[in-house]
Amino acid sequence: MKLKNLILTPVLSESLNRLADMDNLSIKESWNIAKTIKEVETQYKLFEGEKHKLIKKYATDEEKTSIDFSALSEELKSKFNEDLEELLSIEFEISLDKKIKIIESSKGLKPKDFIVLEELIEI
């Protein structure tokens, strides 16, 4: 299954962990979720590393840790946005071959989890 870097957020990891903690999963589903968590965490670390390189490249402070967009020229803002869009649109592959089927009364999942996990679950 292909996913985009765009979905990589701390909320995704939290949602996957809540999904993994559900009691009504089969062994295979639980295994697939655990594998998916590991793959997503690896991809997230890569994404964060590249994002920090972008911040460093366009940083406006001496420590090279933040960007003050009001201090950037329009050209640099545009280049930063292009670079960030490119990073967010990169696709990565996870070994999950089909969506994980869960029951509607999935205790432990919050409404935001369903939004974040939309690409990975089926109700």
C-alpha atoms as a PDB file:
ATOM      1  CA  MET A   1       0.000   0.000   0.000  1.00  0.00           C
ATOM      2  CA  LYS A   2       1.297   3.451  -0.886  1.00  0.00           C
ATOM      3  CA  LEU A   3       0.947   6.434   1.411  1.00  0.00           C
ATOM      4  CA  LYS A   4       2.166  10.015   1.189  1.00  0.00           C
ATOM      5  CA  ASN A   5       4.412  11.793   3.660  1.00  0.00           C
ATOM      6  CA  LEU A   6       1.530  14.229   4.108  1.00  0.00           C
ATOM      7  CA  ILE A   7      -0.141  11.821   6.565  1.00  0.00           C
ATOM      8  CA  LEU A   8       2.945  11.529   8.772  1.00  0.00           C
ATOM      9  CA  THR A   9       2.050  13.265  12.015  1.00  0.00           C
ATOM     10  CA  PRO A  10       2.370  12.391  15.682  1.00  0.00           C
ATOM     11  CA  VAL A  11      -1.417  11.923  15.650  1.00  0.00           C
ATOM     12  CA  LEU A  12      -1.019   9.058  13.169  1.00  0.00           C
ATOM     13  CA  SER A  13       1.309   7.219  15.550  1.00  0.00           C
ATOM     14  CA  GLU A  14      -1.081   7.768  18.461  1.00  0.00           C
ATOM     15  CA  SER A  15      -4.012   6.514  16.396  1.00  0.00           C
ATOM     16  CA  LEU A  16      -2.111   3.442  15.222  1.00  0.00           C
ATOM     17  CA  ASN A  17      -1.171   2.645  18.814  1.00  0.00           C
ATOM     18  CA  ARG A  18      -4.812   2.922  19.924  1.00  0.00           C
ATOM     19  CA  LEU A  19      -5.766   0.666  17.026  1.00  0.00           C
ATOM     20  CA  ALA A  20      -3.114  -1.861  18.083  1.00  0.00           C
ATOM     21  CA  ASP A  21      -4.483  -1.854  21.650  1.00  0.00           C
ATOM     22  CA  MET A  22      -7.955  -2.957  20.567  1.00  0.00           C
ATOM     23  CA  ASP A  23      -9.029  -6.298  22.028  1.00  0.00           C
ATOM     24  CA  ASN A  24     -11.145  -7.527  19.125  1.00  0.00           C
ATOM     25  CA  LEU A  25      -8.370  -7.871  16.526  1.00  0.00           C
ATOM     26  CA  SER A  26      -7.328 -11.169  15.044  1.00  0.00           C
ATOM     27  CA  ILE A  27      -3.704 -12.261  15.403  1.00  0.00           C
ATOM     28  CA  LYS A  28      -3.084 -11.424  11.730  1.00  0.00           C
ATOM     29  CA  GLU A  29      -4.615  -7.958  12.053  1.00  0.00           C
ATOM     30  CA  SER A  30      -2.625  -7.283  15.205  1.00  0.00           C
ATOM     31  CA  TRP A  31       0.572  -8.432  13.451  1.00  0.00           C
ATOM     32  CA  ASN A  32      -0.163  -6.223  10.429  1.00  0.00           C
ATOM     33  CA  ILE A  33      -0.791  -3.211  12.651  1.00  0.00           C
ATOM     34  CA  ALA A  34       2.440  -3.771  14.602  1.00  0.00           C
ATOM     35  CA  LYS A  35       4.368  -4.059  11.330  1.00  0.00           C
ATOM     36  CA  THR A  36       2.665  -0.943   9.984  1.00  0.00           C
ATOM     37  CA  ILE A  37       3.531   1.017  13.143  1.00  0.00           C
ATOM     38  CA  LYS A  38       7.194   0.112  12.728  1.00  0.00           C
ATOM     39  CA  GLU A  39       7.209   1.081   9.044  1.00  0.00           C
ATOM     40  CA  VAL A  40       5.394   4.371   9.686  1.00  0.00           C
ATOM     41  CA  GLU A  41       7.743   5.263  12.553  1.00  0.00           C
ATOM     42  CA  THR A  42      10.775   4.631  10.313  1.00  0.00           C
ATOM     43  CA  GLN A  43       9.285   6.788   7.561  1.00  0.00           C
ATOM     44  CA  TYR A  44       8.378   9.501  10.091  1.00  0.00           C
ATOM     45  CA  LYS A  45      11.992   9.682  11.289  1.00  0.00           C
ATOM     46  CA  LEU A  46      13.183  10.081   7.683  1.00  0.00           C
ATOM     47  CA  PHE A  47      10.538  12.730   7.041  1.00  0.00           C
ATOM     48  CA  GLU A  48      11.458  14.688  10.183  1.00  0.00           C
ATOM     49  CA  GLY A  49      15.148  14.590   9.221  1.00  0.00           C
ATOM     50  CA  GLU A  50      14.406  16.026   5.786  1.00  0.00           C
ATOM     51  CA  LYS A  51      12.042  18.621   7.260  1.00  0.00           C
ATOM     52  CA  HIS A  52      14.785  19.777   9.636  1.00  0.00           C
ATOM     53  CA  LYS A  53      17.182  20.086   6.689  1.00  0.00           C
ATOM     54  CA  LEU A  54      14.636  22.336   4.989  1.00  0.00           C
ATOM     55  CA  ILE A  55      14.250  24.452   8.106  1.00  0.00           C
ATOM     56  CA  LYS A  56      18.005  24.745   8.426  1.00  0.00           C
ATOM     57  CA  LYS A  57      18.288  25.738   4.754  1.00  0.00           C
ATOM     58  CA  TYR A  58      15.751  28.572   5.081  1.00  0.00           C
ATOM     59  CA  ALA A  59      16.258  29.429   8.771  1.00  0.00           C
ATOM     60  CA  THR A  60      16.403  33.055   9.752  1.00  0.00           C
ATOM     61  CA  ASP A  61      17.771  32.673  13.289  1.00  0.00           C
ATOM     62  CA  GLU A  62      21.404  32.183  14.247  1.00  0.00           C
ATOM     63  CA  GLU A  63      20.833  28.662  15.568  1.00  0.00           C
ATOM     64  CA  LYS A  64      19.268  27.650  12.223  1.00  0.00           C
ATOM     65  CA  THR A  65      16.209  26.189  13.977  1.00  0.00           C
ATOM     66  CA  SER A  66      13.304  28.395  12.904  1.00  0.00           C
ATOM     67  CA  ILE A  67      12.010  30.425  10.010  1.00  0.00           C
ATOM     68  CA  ASP A  68      10.606  33.925  10.319  1.00  0.00           C
ATOM     69  CA  PHE A  69       8.592  34.118   7.128  1.00  0.00           C
ATOM     70  CA  SER A  70       8.225  37.866   7.416  1.00  0.00           C
ATOM     71  CA  ALA A  71      12.038  38.098   7.060  1.00  0.00           C
ATOM     72  CA  LEU A  72      12.155  35.982   3.885  1.00  0.00           C
ATOM     73  CA  SER A  73      11.937  37.380   0.407  1.00  0.00           C
ATOM     74  CA  GLU A  74       8.979  36.303  -1.706  1.00  0.00           C
ATOM     75  CA  GLU A  75      11.361  34.216  -3.819  1.00  0.00           C
ATOM     76  CA  LEU A  76      12.667  32.315  -0.776  1.00  0.00           C
ATOM     77  CA  LYS A  77       9.142  31.806   0.581  1.00  0.00           C
ATOM     78  CA  SER A  78       8.124  30.369  -2.757  1.00  0.00           C
ATOM     79  CA  LYS A  79      11.159  28.049  -2.885  1.00  0.00           C
ATOM     80  CA  PHE A  80      10.530  26.876   0.673  1.00  0.00           C
ATOM     81  CA  ASN A  81       6.881  26.132  -0.137  1.00  0.00           C
ATOM     82  CA  GLU A  82       7.888  24.216  -3.278  1.00  0.00           C
ATOM     83  CA  ASP A  83      10.446  22.178  -1.338  1.00  0.00           C
ATOM     84  CA  LEU A  84       7.965  21.448   1.445  1.00  0.00           C
ATOM     85  CA  GLU A  85       5.235  20.446  -1.015  1.00  0.00           C
ATOM     86  CA  GLU A  86       7.678  18.126  -2.734  1.00  0.00           C
ATOM     87  CA  LEU A  87       8.593  16.514   0.602  1.00  0.00           C
ATOM     88  CA  LEU A  88       4.941  16.109   1.613  1.00  0.00           C
ATOM     89  CA  SER A  89       3.980  14.551  -1.723  1.00  0.00           C
ATOM     90  CA  ILE A  90       6.627  11.814  -1.636  1.00  0.00           C
ATOM     91  CA  GLU A  91       4.998   8.405  -1.522  1.00  0.00           C
ATOM     92  CA  PHE A  92       6.259   5.496   0.511  1.00  0.00           C
ATOM     93  CA  GLU A  93       5.309   1.858   0.533  1.00  0.00           C
ATOM     94  CA  ILE A  94       4.141  -0.105   3.545  1.00  0.00           C
ATOM     95  CA  SER A  95       3.676  -3.859   3.537  1.00  0.00           C
ATOM     96  CA  LEU A  96      -0.015  -3.670   4.445  1.00  0.00           C
ATOM     97  CA  ASP A  97      -1.696  -5.225   1.406  1.00  0.00           C
ATOM     98  CA  LYS A  98      -5.283  -4.294   2.270  1.00  0.00           C
ATOM     99  CA  LYS A  99      -7.149  -2.108   4.711  1.00  0.00           C
ATOM    100  CA  ILE A 100      -7.590  -3.407   8.243  1.00  0.00           C
ATOM    101  CA  LYS A 101     -11.196  -4.323   8.894  1.00  0.00           C
ATOM    102  CA  ILE A 102     -12.522  -3.097  12.224  1.00  0.00           C
ATOM    103  CA  ILE A 103     -15.965  -3.241  13.750  1.00  0.00           C
ATOM    104  CA  GLU A 104     -18.024  -0.091  14.169  1.00  0.00           C
ATOM    105  CA  SER A 105     -18.129  -0.314  17.947  1.00  0.00           C
ATOM    106  CA  SER A 106     -14.350  -0.129  18.201  1.00  0.00           C
ATOM    107  CA  LYS A 107     -13.785   0.899  21.784  1.00  0.00           C
ATOM    108  CA  GLY A 108     -10.710   2.986  22.426  1.00  0.00           C
ATOM    109  CA  LEU A 109     -10.690   4.787  19.084  1.00  0.00           C
ATOM    110  CA  LYS A 110     -11.516   8.469  19.023  1.00  0.00           C
ATOM    111  CA  PRO A 111     -13.303  10.266  16.171  1.00  0.00           C
ATOM    112  CA  LYS A 112     -10.031  11.869  15.036  1.00  0.00           C
ATOM    113  CA  ASP A 113      -8.506   8.375  14.754  1.00  0.00           C
ATOM    114  CA  PHE A 114     -10.992   7.448  12.059  1.00  0.00           C
ATOM    115  CA  ILE A 115     -10.008  10.531  10.068  1.00  0.00           C
ATOM    116  CA  VAL A 116      -6.277   9.922  10.428  1.00  0.00           C
ATOM    117  CA  LEU A 117      -6.539   6.172   9.754  1.00  0.00           C
ATOM    118  CA  GLU A 118      -8.912   6.530   6.812  1.00  0.00           C
ATOM    119  CA  GLU A 119      -6.334   5.171   4.337  1.00  0.00           C
ATOM    120  CA  LEU A 120      -5.576   2.162   6.532  1.00  0.00           C
ATOM    121  CA  ILE A 121      -8.891   0.955   7.960  1.00  0.00           C
ATOM    122  CA  GLU A 122     -12.232  -0.250   6.725  1.00  0.00           C
ATOM    123  CA  ILE A 123     -15.382  -0.333   8.810  1.00  0.00           C
END
